[in-house]
Amino acid sequence: MHVTAGWLIAVVLTLGLTALPGQPIPIGPAQQEFQHSGVGLTLFTYKPPTYKDGPLLLVFHGVNRNAEDYRNFAITLGERAKAVVIAPLFDRERFPSERYQRGGLFKAGKLQPPADWTYALVQDLVKEIRRREGRPDQPYILLGHSAGGQFLVRLAAFAPGDATRIVAANPGSHLFPTREAPFGYGFGQLPAELQSDDVIKRYLAAPIVLYLGTADIDPADRNLDRSPESMRQGATRYERGQAVFAAAQALAAKNGWSFAWRKVETPGIAHNAAEMFAAGEAMEAVFGVSGQRP
């Protein structure tokens, strides 16, 4: 049988598309499935050839549910930091905004048990990847853009886990540390145990990084939340990010609480995940180290 080099390369690439379940994340780009309490997630992964003992980077897509693209956007970060990249897909059918951006705290207006929150999927996914990699204490960073950033700022309040950093890039709306705004935009209208000073204090002490593109200033963006509650936060995503950081910092200072949030800005970038992840400032936002613009 005559085998051409091109045919062999095609076979190798095809075999590399789907990883074996339960095995360590393979080198290069791959795709595999993850199961949690009967809920399945497709994972788009990347492990650099230079990977040795680097961190885990979980990447959360925007409203277009294009997890594979987000994995690809984050490959440069994975290469620079020698980190394993995992981008789970939260499809629109099973994870509408109530379960994605709002984390699944409520279903049809009824508070759900924490085990059913979407955040529980994240914590179990981290445990599973650590198990597959044989590193039960592997450090991990959460990075979300746009809708994924919204998901993460609310996760930071209610189920932060032990993430090294929780990076929210260009979220369209924020969880302000106030009970004056309803849930989604603040801690109002939540049960007492979810809106107490202790919860808000923990939120302000979470390792949140607001990663903002200074040109994300289009008030007519078709995906921008323009509800009355979000408009009170500011007219644009950049303005809202500035406002929530200032409000959180002021509240922590007023009450003498710990404030662990950081704000990193990248100049001239609008609402574009690929450009946000490729910017030199992304290394500072995600890994806390200085980076150079490519």
C-alpha atoms as a PDB file:
ATOM      1  CA  MET A   1       0.000   0.000   0.000  1.00  0.00           C
ATOM      2  CA  HIS A   2       1.399   3.383  -1.001  1.00  0.00           C
ATOM      3  CA  VAL A   3       1.136   5.954   1.817  1.00  0.00           C
ATOM      4  CA  THR A   4       1.812   9.585   1.023  1.00  0.00           C
ATOM      5  CA  ALA A   5       3.286  11.973   3.553  1.00  0.00           C
ATOM      6  CA  GLY A   6       0.255  14.239   3.209  1.00  0.00           C
ATOM      7  CA  TRP A   7      -2.139  11.378   3.967  1.00  0.00           C
ATOM      8  CA  LEU A   8      -0.122  10.401   7.061  1.00  0.00           C
ATOM      9  CA  ILE A   9      -0.117  13.951   8.376  1.00  0.00           C
ATOM     10  CA  ALA A  10      -3.884  14.168   7.865  1.00  0.00           C
ATOM     11  CA  VAL A  11      -4.385  10.949   9.848  1.00  0.00           C
ATOM     12  CA  VAL A  12      -2.207  12.186  12.711  1.00  0.00           C
ATOM     13  CA  LEU A  13      -4.093  15.468  12.892  1.00  0.00           C
ATOM     14  CA  THR A  14      -7.442  13.686  12.835  1.00  0.00           C
ATOM     15  CA  LEU A  15      -6.434  11.314  15.609  1.00  0.00           C
ATOM     16  CA  GLY A  16      -5.325  14.286  17.694  1.00  0.00           C
ATOM     17  CA  LEU A  17      -8.718  15.966  17.572  1.00  0.00           C
ATOM     18  CA  THR A  18     -10.351  13.807  20.245  1.00  0.00           C
ATOM     19  CA  ALA A  19      -8.518  12.909  23.444  1.00  0.00           C
ATOM     20  CA  LEU A  20      -9.099   9.700  25.355  1.00  0.00           C
ATOM     21  CA  PRO A  21     -11.443  10.197  28.332  1.00  0.00           C
ATOM     22  CA  GLY A  22      -9.813  10.087  31.738  1.00  0.00           C
ATOM     23  CA  GLN A  23      -6.305  10.509  30.312  1.00  0.00           C
ATOM     24  CA  PRO A  24      -3.978  13.499  30.829  1.00  0.00           C
ATOM     25  CA  ILE A  25      -4.564  16.418  28.490  1.00  0.00           C
ATOM     26  CA  PRO A  26      -2.612  15.627  25.288  1.00  0.00           C
ATOM     27  CA  ILE A  27       0.006  17.865  23.770  1.00  0.00           C
ATOM     28  CA  GLY A  28      -1.383  20.354  21.263  1.00  0.00           C
ATOM     29  CA  PRO A  29      -5.046  21.139  20.517  1.00  0.00           C
ATOM     30  CA  ALA A  30      -7.640  18.507  21.376  1.00  0.00           C
ATOM     31  CA  GLN A  31     -11.285  17.989  22.246  1.00  0.00           C
ATOM     32  CA  GLN A  32     -12.813  15.777  24.914  1.00  0.00           C
ATOM     33  CA  GLU A  33     -15.914  15.342  27.047  1.00  0.00           C
ATOM     34  CA  PHE A  34     -16.489  15.972  30.741  1.00  0.00           C
ATOM     35  CA  GLN A  35     -19.404  14.636  32.766  1.00  0.00           C
ATOM     36  CA  HIS A  36     -20.774  16.095  36.002  1.00  0.00           C
ATOM     37  CA  SER A  37     -23.910  14.700  37.651  1.00  0.00           C
ATOM     38  CA  GLY A  38     -25.372  13.765  34.286  1.00  0.00           C
ATOM     39  CA  VAL A  39     -24.401  17.093  32.660  1.00  0.00           C
ATOM     40  CA  GLY A  40     -21.868  16.817  29.848  1.00  0.00           C
ATOM     41  CA  LEU A  41     -19.530  19.554  28.676  1.00  0.00           C
ATOM     42  CA  THR A  42     -17.352  19.560  25.597  1.00  0.00           C
ATOM     43  CA  LEU A  43     -13.843  20.760  26.411  1.00  0.00           C
ATOM     44  CA  PHE A  44     -11.504  22.363  23.910  1.00  0.00           C
ATOM     45  CA  THR A  45      -7.984  21.959  25.240  1.00  0.00           C
ATOM     46  CA  TYR A  46      -4.410  22.889  24.503  1.00  0.00           C
ATOM     47  CA  LYS A  47      -1.189  21.746  26.147  1.00  0.00           C
ATOM     48  CA  PRO A  48       2.074  23.373  25.005  1.00  0.00           C
ATOM     49  CA  PRO A  49       4.894  21.074  23.870  1.00  0.00           C
ATOM     50  CA  THR A  50       7.026  22.851  26.501  1.00  0.00           C
ATOM     51  CA  TYR A  51       4.574  22.065  29.319  1.00  0.00           C
ATOM     52  CA  LYS A  52       6.158  20.641  32.446  1.00  0.00           C
ATOM     53  CA  ASP A  53       4.488  21.732  35.661  1.00  0.00           C
ATOM     54  CA  GLY A  54       2.653  24.910  34.675  1.00  0.00           C
ATOM     55  CA  PRO A  55      -0.749  26.130  35.817  1.00  0.00           C
ATOM     56  CA  LEU A  56      -4.199  25.384  34.485  1.00  0.00           C
ATOM     57  CA  LEU A  57      -6.008  28.157  32.594  1.00  0.00           C
ATOM     58  CA  LEU A  58      -9.782  27.781  32.251  1.00  0.00           C
ATOM     59  CA  VAL A  59     -11.228  30.069  29.570  1.00  0.00           C
ATOM     60  CA  PHE A  60     -14.902  31.086  29.454  1.00  0.00           C
ATOM     61  CA  HIS A  61     -16.381  32.173  26.148  1.00  0.00           C
ATOM     62  CA  GLY A  62     -18.700  35.044  25.342  1.00  0.00           C
ATOM     63  CA  VAL A  63     -22.334  35.124  24.286  1.00  0.00           C
ATOM     64  CA  ASN A  64     -21.616  33.521  20.900  1.00  0.00           C
ATOM     65  CA  ARG A  65     -20.753  30.240  22.664  1.00  0.00           C
ATOM     66  CA  ASN A  66     -17.632  29.804  20.515  1.00  0.00           C
ATOM     67  CA  ALA A  67     -15.497  27.898  22.993  1.00  0.00           C
ATOM     68  CA  GLU A  68     -13.173  26.468  20.336  1.00  0.00           C
ATOM     69  CA  ASP A  69     -12.322  29.979  19.158  1.00  0.00           C
ATOM     70  CA  TYR A  70     -11.625  31.052  22.730  1.00  0.00           C
ATOM     71  CA  ARG A  71      -9.293  28.083  23.195  1.00  0.00           C
ATOM     72  CA  ASN A  72      -7.469  29.214  20.074  1.00  0.00           C
ATOM     73  CA  PHE A  73      -7.332  32.828  21.290  1.00  0.00           C
ATOM     74  CA  ALA A  74      -5.712  31.627  24.530  1.00  0.00           C
ATOM     75  CA  ILE A  75      -3.034  29.429  22.938  1.00  0.00           C
ATOM     76  CA  THR A  76      -0.551  32.311  22.946  1.00  0.00           C
ATOM     77  CA  LEU A  77      -1.107  32.753  26.690  1.00  0.00           C
ATOM     78  CA  GLY A  78      -0.694  29.024  27.215  1.00  0.00           C
ATOM     79  CA  GLU A  79       2.569  29.026  25.274  1.00  0.00           C
ATOM     80  CA  ARG A  80       3.973  32.052  27.100  1.00  0.00           C
ATOM     81  CA  ALA A  81       3.131  30.703  30.558  1.00  0.00           C
ATOM     82  CA  LYS A  82       3.518  26.983  29.744  1.00  0.00           C
ATOM     83  CA  ALA A  83      -0.056  26.527  30.964  1.00  0.00           C
ATOM     84  CA  VAL A  84      -2.708  23.960  30.085  1.00  0.00           C
ATOM     85  CA  VAL A  85      -5.678  25.707  28.441  1.00  0.00           C
ATOM     86  CA  ILE A  86      -9.221  24.368  28.919  1.00  0.00           C
ATOM     87  CA  ALA A  87     -12.206  26.078  27.244  1.00  0.00           C
ATOM     88  CA  PRO A  88     -15.549  24.448  28.194  1.00  0.00           C
ATOM     89  CA  LEU A  89     -18.567  24.940  25.957  1.00  0.00           C
ATOM     90  CA  PHE A  90     -21.750  26.178  27.654  1.00  0.00           C
ATOM     91  CA  ASP A  91     -24.292  25.788  24.871  1.00  0.00           C
ATOM     92  CA  ARG A  92     -27.199  28.191  24.596  1.00  0.00           C
ATOM     93  CA  GLU A  93     -29.891  25.496  24.827  1.00  0.00           C
ATOM     94  CA  ARG A  94     -28.864  24.123  28.217  1.00  0.00           C
ATOM     95  CA  PHE A  95     -27.121  27.228  29.533  1.00  0.00           C
ATOM     96  CA  PRO A  96     -29.178  30.340  28.770  1.00  0.00           C
ATOM     97  CA  SER A  97     -28.176  33.550  30.516  1.00  0.00           C
ATOM     98  CA  GLU A  98     -29.887  32.423  33.728  1.00  0.00           C
ATOM     99  CA  ARG A  99     -27.511  29.448  33.933  1.00  0.00           C
ATOM    100  CA  TYR A 100     -24.446  31.011  32.323  1.00  0.00           C
ATOM    101  CA  GLN A 101     -24.057  34.721  33.027  1.00  0.00           C
ATOM    102  CA  ARG A 102     -26.126  34.390  36.242  1.00  0.00           C
ATOM    103  CA  GLY A 103     -24.536  31.101  37.274  1.00  0.00           C
ATOM    104  CA  GLY A 104     -27.704  29.076  37.740  1.00  0.00           C
ATOM    105  CA  LEU A 105     -28.467  30.419  41.224  1.00  0.00           C
ATOM    106  CA  PHE A 106     -32.114  30.659  40.236  1.00  0.00           C
ATOM    107  CA  LYS A 107     -34.390  28.600  38.016  1.00  0.00           C
ATOM    108  CA  ALA A 108     -37.787  30.074  37.142  1.00  0.00           C
ATOM    109  CA  GLY A 109     -37.308  32.501  40.022  1.00  0.00           C
ATOM    110  CA  LYS A 110     -36.568  29.783  42.595  1.00  0.00           C
ATOM    111  CA  LEU A 111     -33.218  29.597  44.391  1.00  0.00           C
ATOM    112  CA  GLN A 112     -31.386  26.371  43.545  1.00  0.00           C
ATOM    113  CA  PRO A 113     -29.146  24.329  45.865  1.00  0.00           C
ATOM    114  CA  PRO A 114     -25.431  25.160  45.433  1.00  0.00           C
ATOM    115  CA  ALA A 115     -24.751  21.693  43.986  1.00  0.00           C
ATOM    116  CA  ASP A 116     -26.962  22.649  41.014  1.00  0.00           C
ATOM    117  CA  TRP A 117     -25.310  26.005  40.350  1.00  0.00           C
ATOM    118  CA  THR A 118     -23.268  26.185  37.161  1.00  0.00           C
ATOM    119  CA  TYR A 119     -20.348  27.166  39.364  1.00  0.00           C
ATOM    120  CA  ALA A 120     -20.321  23.599  40.734  1.00  0.00           C
ATOM    121  CA  LEU A 121     -19.411  22.414  37.236  1.00  0.00           C
ATOM    122  CA  VAL A 122     -16.318  24.597  37.316  1.00  0.00           C
ATOM    123  CA  GLN A 123     -15.086  23.296  40.651  1.00  0.00           C
ATOM    124  CA  ASP A 124     -15.629  19.681  39.608  1.00  0.00           C
ATOM    125  CA  LEU A 125     -13.921  20.312  36.277  1.00  0.00           C
ATOM    126  CA  VAL A 126     -10.861  21.658  38.091  1.00  0.00           C
ATOM    127  CA  LYS A 127     -10.786  18.562  40.304  1.00  0.00           C
ATOM    128  CA  GLU A 128     -11.063  16.276  37.278  1.00  0.00           C
ATOM    129  CA  ILE A 129      -8.273  17.975  35.312  1.00  0.00           C
ATOM    130  CA  ARG A 130      -6.039  17.946  38.385  1.00  0.00           C
ATOM    131  CA  ARG A 131      -6.757  14.223  38.757  1.00  0.00           C
ATOM    132  CA  ARG A 132      -5.967  13.511  35.108  1.00  0.00           C
ATOM    133  CA  GLU A 133      -2.737  15.467  35.344  1.00  0.00           C
ATOM    134  CA  GLY A 134      -1.775  13.818  38.628  1.00  0.00           C
ATOM    135  CA  ARG A 135      -1.469  17.211  40.291  1.00  0.00           C
ATOM    136  CA  PRO A 136      -4.101  17.595  43.054  1.00  0.00           C
ATOM    137  CA  ASP A 137      -2.755  21.033  43.988  1.00  0.00           C
ATOM    138  CA  GLN A 138      -2.194  22.374  40.475  1.00  0.00           C
ATOM    139  CA  PRO A 139      -2.776  26.156  40.566  1.00  0.00           C
ATOM    140  CA  TYR A 140      -5.459  27.439  38.247  1.00  0.00           C
ATOM    141  CA  ILE A 141      -6.658  30.727  36.810  1.00  0.00           C
ATOM    142  CA  LEU A 142     -10.133  31.519  35.506  1.00  0.00           C
ATOM    143  CA  LEU A 143     -10.341  33.846  32.494  1.00  0.00           C
ATOM    144  CA  GLY A 144     -13.623  34.972  30.989  1.00  0.00           C
ATOM    145  CA  HIS A 145     -14.422  37.541  28.326  1.00  0.00           C
ATOM    146  CA  SER A 146     -17.718  39.425  27.881  1.00  0.00           C
ATOM    147  CA  ALA A 147     -20.486  37.010  28.975  1.00  0.00           C
ATOM    148  CA  GLY A 148     -17.754  34.766  30.374  1.00  0.00           C
ATOM    149  CA  GLY A 149     -16.502  37.717  32.402  1.00  0.00           C
ATOM    150  CA  GLN A 150     -19.992  38.223  33.798  1.00  0.00           C
ATOM    151  CA  PHE A 151     -20.098  34.555  34.763  1.00  0.00           C
ATOM    152  CA  LEU A 152     -16.817  34.885  36.632  1.00  0.00           C
ATOM    153  CA  VAL A 153     -17.502  38.069  38.603  1.00  0.00           C
ATOM    154  CA  ARG A 154     -20.609  36.413  40.039  1.00  0.00           C
ATOM    155  CA  LEU A 155     -18.745  33.159  40.624  1.00  0.00           C
ATOM    156  CA  ALA A 156     -16.185  35.173  42.600  1.00  0.00           C
ATOM    157  CA  ALA A 157     -18.937  36.300  44.965  1.00  0.00           C
ATOM    158  CA  PHE A 158     -20.640  32.974  45.579  1.00  0.00           C
ATOM    159  CA  ALA A 159     -18.230  30.138  44.715  1.00  0.00           C
ATOM    160  CA  PRO A 160     -14.660  31.431  44.272  1.00  0.00           C
ATOM    161  CA  GLY A 161     -12.966  28.124  45.046  1.00  0.00           C
ATOM    162  CA  ASP A 162      -9.189  28.316  45.333  1.00  0.00           C
ATOM    163  CA  ALA A 163      -8.427  30.031  42.021  1.00  0.00           C
ATOM    164  CA  THR A 164      -5.179  31.983  41.911  1.00  0.00           C
ATOM    165  CA  ARG A 165      -6.889  34.671  39.835  1.00  0.00           C
ATOM    166  CA  ILE A 166     -10.372  35.290  38.508  1.00  0.00           C
ATOM    167  CA  VAL A 167      -9.962  37.465  35.421  1.00  0.00           C
ATOM    168  CA  ALA A 168     -13.011  39.187  33.965  1.00  0.00           C
ATOM    169  CA  ALA A 169     -12.259  40.798  30.602  1.00  0.00           C
ATOM    170  CA  ASN A 170     -14.715  43.396  29.266  1.00  0.00           C
ATOM    171  CA  PRO A 171     -17.875  42.199  31.085  1.00  0.00           C
ATOM    172  CA  GLY A 172     -21.053  43.860  29.869  1.00  0.00           C
ATOM    173  CA  SER A 173     -22.417  44.260  33.399  1.00  0.00           C
ATOM    174  CA  HIS A 174     -21.087  43.808  36.908  1.00  0.00           C
ATOM    175  CA  LEU A 175     -22.057  42.621  40.352  1.00  0.00           C
ATOM    176  CA  PHE A 176     -21.780  45.809  42.390  1.00  0.00           C
ATOM    177  CA  PRO A 177     -21.105  45.279  46.122  1.00  0.00           C
ATOM    178  CA  THR A 178     -24.433  46.755  47.190  1.00  0.00           C
ATOM    179  CA  ARG A 179     -27.842  45.520  48.269  1.00  0.00           C
ATOM    180  CA  GLU A 180     -29.473  48.480  46.520  1.00  0.00           C
ATOM    181  CA  ALA A 181     -29.340  46.737  43.107  1.00  0.00           C
ATOM    182  CA  PRO A 182     -31.113  43.423  42.390  1.00  0.00           C
ATOM    183  CA  PHE A 183     -29.163  40.218  41.901  1.00  0.00           C
ATOM    184  CA  GLY A 184     -27.234  40.138  38.682  1.00  0.00           C
ATOM    185  CA  TYR A 185     -26.257  43.757  39.212  1.00  0.00           C
ATOM    186  CA  GLY A 186     -25.922  43.727  43.005  1.00  0.00           C
ATOM    187  CA  PHE A 187     -26.787  41.629  46.056  1.00  0.00           C
ATOM    188  CA  GLY A 188     -30.355  42.866  46.427  1.00  0.00           C
ATOM    189  CA  GLN A 189     -33.348  40.518  46.547  1.00  0.00           C
ATOM    190  CA  LEU A 190     -31.142  37.573  47.536  1.00  0.00           C
ATOM    191  CA  PRO A 191     -31.713  35.388  50.607  1.00  0.00           C
ATOM    192  CA  ALA A 192     -30.021  36.747  53.726  1.00  0.00           C
ATOM    193  CA  GLU A 193     -27.240  34.149  53.599  1.00  0.00           C
ATOM    194  CA  LEU A 194     -26.228  35.317  50.111  1.00  0.00           C
ATOM    195  CA  GLN A 195     -26.286  39.073  50.735  1.00  0.00           C
ATOM    196  CA  SER A 196     -24.716  39.384  54.188  1.00  0.00           C
ATOM    197  CA  ASP A 197     -21.750  41.603  54.971  1.00  0.00           C
ATOM    198  CA  ASP A 198     -19.646  38.455  55.263  1.00  0.00           C
ATOM    199  CA  VAL A 199     -20.475  37.483  51.665  1.00  0.00           C
ATOM    200  CA  ILE A 200     -19.729  40.968  50.324  1.00  0.00           C
ATOM    201  CA  LYS A 201     -16.548  41.129  52.403  1.00  0.00           C
ATOM    202  CA  ARG A 202     -15.400  37.818  50.905  1.00  0.00           C
ATOM    203  CA  TYR A 203     -16.245  39.116  47.427  1.00  0.00           C
ATOM    204  CA  LEU A 204     -14.001  42.148  47.900  1.00  0.00           C
ATOM    205  CA  ALA A 205     -11.190  39.890  49.114  1.00  0.00           C
ATOM    206  CA  ALA A 206     -11.445  37.577  46.098  1.00  0.00           C
ATOM    207  CA  PRO A 207      -8.508  37.606  43.619  1.00  0.00           C
ATOM    208  CA  ILE A 208     -10.506  39.394  40.925  1.00  0.00           C
ATOM    209  CA  VAL A 209      -8.745  41.100  38.030  1.00  0.00           C
ATOM    210  CA  LEU A 210     -10.810  43.434  35.876  1.00  0.00           C
ATOM    211  CA  TYR A 211      -9.112  43.395  32.488  1.00  0.00           C
ATOM    212  CA  LEU A 212     -10.461  46.301  30.462  1.00  0.00           C
ATOM    213  CA  GLY A 213      -9.971  47.406  26.879  1.00  0.00           C
ATOM    214  CA  THR A 214      -9.943  51.194  26.871  1.00  0.00           C
ATOM    215  CA  ALA A 215     -11.673  51.319  23.460  1.00  0.00           C
ATOM    216  CA  ASP A 216     -14.649  49.165  24.557  1.00  0.00           C
ATOM    217  CA  ILE A 217     -16.779  52.283  24.521  1.00  0.00           C
ATOM    218  CA  ASP A 218     -19.502  51.655  21.936  1.00  0.00           C
ATOM    219  CA  PRO A 219     -22.851  52.416  23.656  1.00  0.00           C
ATOM    220  CA  ALA A 220     -24.740  50.935  20.675  1.00  0.00           C
ATOM    221  CA  ASP A 221     -22.996  47.526  20.630  1.00  0.00           C
ATOM    222  CA  ARG A 222     -25.734  45.015  19.799  1.00  0.00           C
ATOM    223  CA  ASN A 223     -24.659  42.646  22.603  1.00  0.00           C
ATOM    224  CA  LEU A 224     -24.380  45.329  25.282  1.00  0.00           C
ATOM    225  CA  ASP A 225     -26.825  44.968  28.177  1.00  0.00           C
ATOM    226  CA  ARG A 226     -28.973  48.091  28.100  1.00  0.00           C
ATOM    227  CA  SER A 227     -31.398  47.200  30.882  1.00  0.00           C
ATOM    228  CA  PRO A 228     -32.150  50.016  33.352  1.00  0.00           C
ATOM    229  CA  GLU A 229     -30.011  48.299  36.001  1.00  0.00           C
ATOM    230  CA  SER A 230     -26.991  48.004  33.719  1.00  0.00           C
ATOM    231  CA  MET A 231     -27.339  51.570  32.426  1.00  0.00           C
ATOM    232  CA  ARG A 232     -27.047  52.773  36.013  1.00  0.00           C
ATOM    233  CA  GLN A 233     -23.589  51.180  36.016  1.00  0.00           C
ATOM    234  CA  GLY A 234     -22.450  53.251  33.030  1.00  0.00           C
ATOM    235  CA  ALA A 235     -23.053  53.767  29.326  1.00  0.00           C
ATOM    236  CA  THR A 236     -20.268  51.471  28.074  1.00  0.00           C
ATOM    237  CA  ARG A 237     -18.405  48.372  29.220  1.00  0.00           C
ATOM    238  CA  TYR A 238     -15.257  50.366  29.924  1.00  0.00           C
ATOM    239  CA  GLU A 239     -17.185  52.893  31.997  1.00  0.00           C
ATOM    240  CA  ARG A 240     -18.920  50.114  33.951  1.00  0.00           C
ATOM    241  CA  GLY A 241     -15.623  48.396  34.733  1.00  0.00           C
ATOM    242  CA  GLN A 242     -14.173  51.639  36.045  1.00  0.00           C
ATOM    243  CA  ALA A 243     -17.278  52.275  38.138  1.00  0.00           C
ATOM    244  CA  VAL A 244     -17.476  48.876  39.833  1.00  0.00           C
ATOM    245  CA  PHE A 245     -13.775  48.923  40.698  1.00  0.00           C
ATOM    246  CA  ALA A 246     -14.092  52.365  42.271  1.00  0.00           C
ATOM    247  CA  ALA A 247     -17.225  51.370  44.191  1.00  0.00           C
ATOM    248  CA  ALA A 248     -15.635  48.169  45.519  1.00  0.00           C
ATOM    249  CA  GLN A 249     -12.431  49.931  46.503  1.00  0.00           C
ATOM    250  CA  ALA A 250     -14.337  52.697  48.305  1.00  0.00           C
ATOM    251  CA  LEU A 251     -16.548  50.253  50.228  1.00  0.00           C
ATOM    252  CA  ALA A 252     -13.567  48.214  51.368  1.00  0.00           C
ATOM    253  CA  ALA A 253     -11.740  51.345  52.533  1.00  0.00           C
ATOM    254  CA  LYS A 254     -14.837  52.664  54.342  1.00  0.00           C
ATOM    255  CA  ASN A 255     -15.326  49.419  56.297  1.00  0.00           C
ATOM    256  CA  GLY A 256     -11.673  48.557  56.768  1.00  0.00           C
ATOM    257  CA  TRP A 257     -12.088  45.356  54.740  1.00  0.00           C
ATOM    258  CA  SER A 258      -9.439  43.596  52.692  1.00  0.00           C
ATOM    259  CA  PHE A 259      -9.500  44.561  49.019  1.00  0.00           C
ATOM    260  CA  ALA A 260      -7.720  42.167  46.656  1.00  0.00           C
ATOM    261  CA  TRP A 261      -9.111  43.292  43.301  1.00  0.00           C
ATOM    262  CA  ARG A 262      -6.797  44.545  40.597  1.00  0.00           C
ATOM    263  CA  LYS A 263      -7.495  46.485  37.432  1.00  0.00           C
ATOM    264  CA  VAL A 264      -5.451  46.074  34.259  1.00  0.00           C
ATOM    265  CA  GLU A 265      -6.135  48.109  31.135  1.00  0.00           C
ATOM    266  CA  THR A 266      -4.951  47.538  27.597  1.00  0.00           C
ATOM    267  CA  PRO A 267      -5.013  50.665  25.425  1.00  0.00           C
ATOM    268  CA  GLY A 268      -6.884  50.931  22.148  1.00  0.00           C
ATOM    269  CA  ILE A 269      -8.615  47.544  22.248  1.00  0.00           C
ATOM    270  CA  ALA A 270     -12.387  47.344  21.933  1.00  0.00           C
ATOM    271  CA  HIS A 271     -14.696  44.352  22.527  1.00  0.00           C
ATOM    272  CA  ASN A 272     -12.429  41.769  20.914  1.00  0.00           C
ATOM    273  CA  ALA A 273     -11.349  38.653  22.801  1.00  0.00           C
ATOM    274  CA  ALA A 274      -8.592  37.678  20.367  1.00  0.00           C
ATOM    275  CA  GLU A 275      -6.939  41.085  20.699  1.00  0.00           C
ATOM    276  CA  MET A 276      -7.447  41.217  24.466  1.00  0.00           C
ATOM    277  CA  PHE A 277      -5.748  37.830  24.922  1.00  0.00           C
ATOM    278  CA  ALA A 278      -2.895  38.686  22.540  1.00  0.00           C
ATOM    279  CA  ALA A 279      -2.063  42.047  24.128  1.00  0.00           C
ATOM    280  CA  GLY A 280       1.069  42.319  26.232  1.00  0.00           C
ATOM    281  CA  GLU A 281      -1.063  43.402  29.185  1.00  0.00           C
ATOM    282  CA  ALA A 282      -2.826  40.029  29.148  1.00  0.00           C
ATOM    283  CA  MET A 283       0.169  38.367  30.805  1.00  0.00           C
ATOM    284  CA  GLU A 284      -0.025  40.855  33.661  1.00  0.00           C
ATOM    285  CA  ALA A 285      -3.797  40.414  34.003  1.00  0.00           C
ATOM    286  CA  VAL A 286      -3.825  36.625  33.838  1.00  0.00           C
ATOM    287  CA  PHE A 287      -0.521  35.517  35.318  1.00  0.00           C
ATOM    288  CA  GLY A 288       0.662  38.599  37.204  1.00  0.00           C
ATOM    289  CA  VAL A 289       3.837  38.928  35.158  1.00  0.00           C
ATOM    290  CA  SER A 290       4.902  41.587  32.696  1.00  0.00           C
ATOM    291  CA  GLY A 291       4.485  40.773  29.034  1.00  0.00           C
ATOM    292  CA  GLN A 292       5.614  42.265  25.785  1.00  0.00           C
ATOM    293  CA  ARG A 293       3.324  43.223  22.956  1.00  0.00           C
ATOM    294  CA  PRO A 294       3.802  40.748  20.105  1.00  0.00           C
END
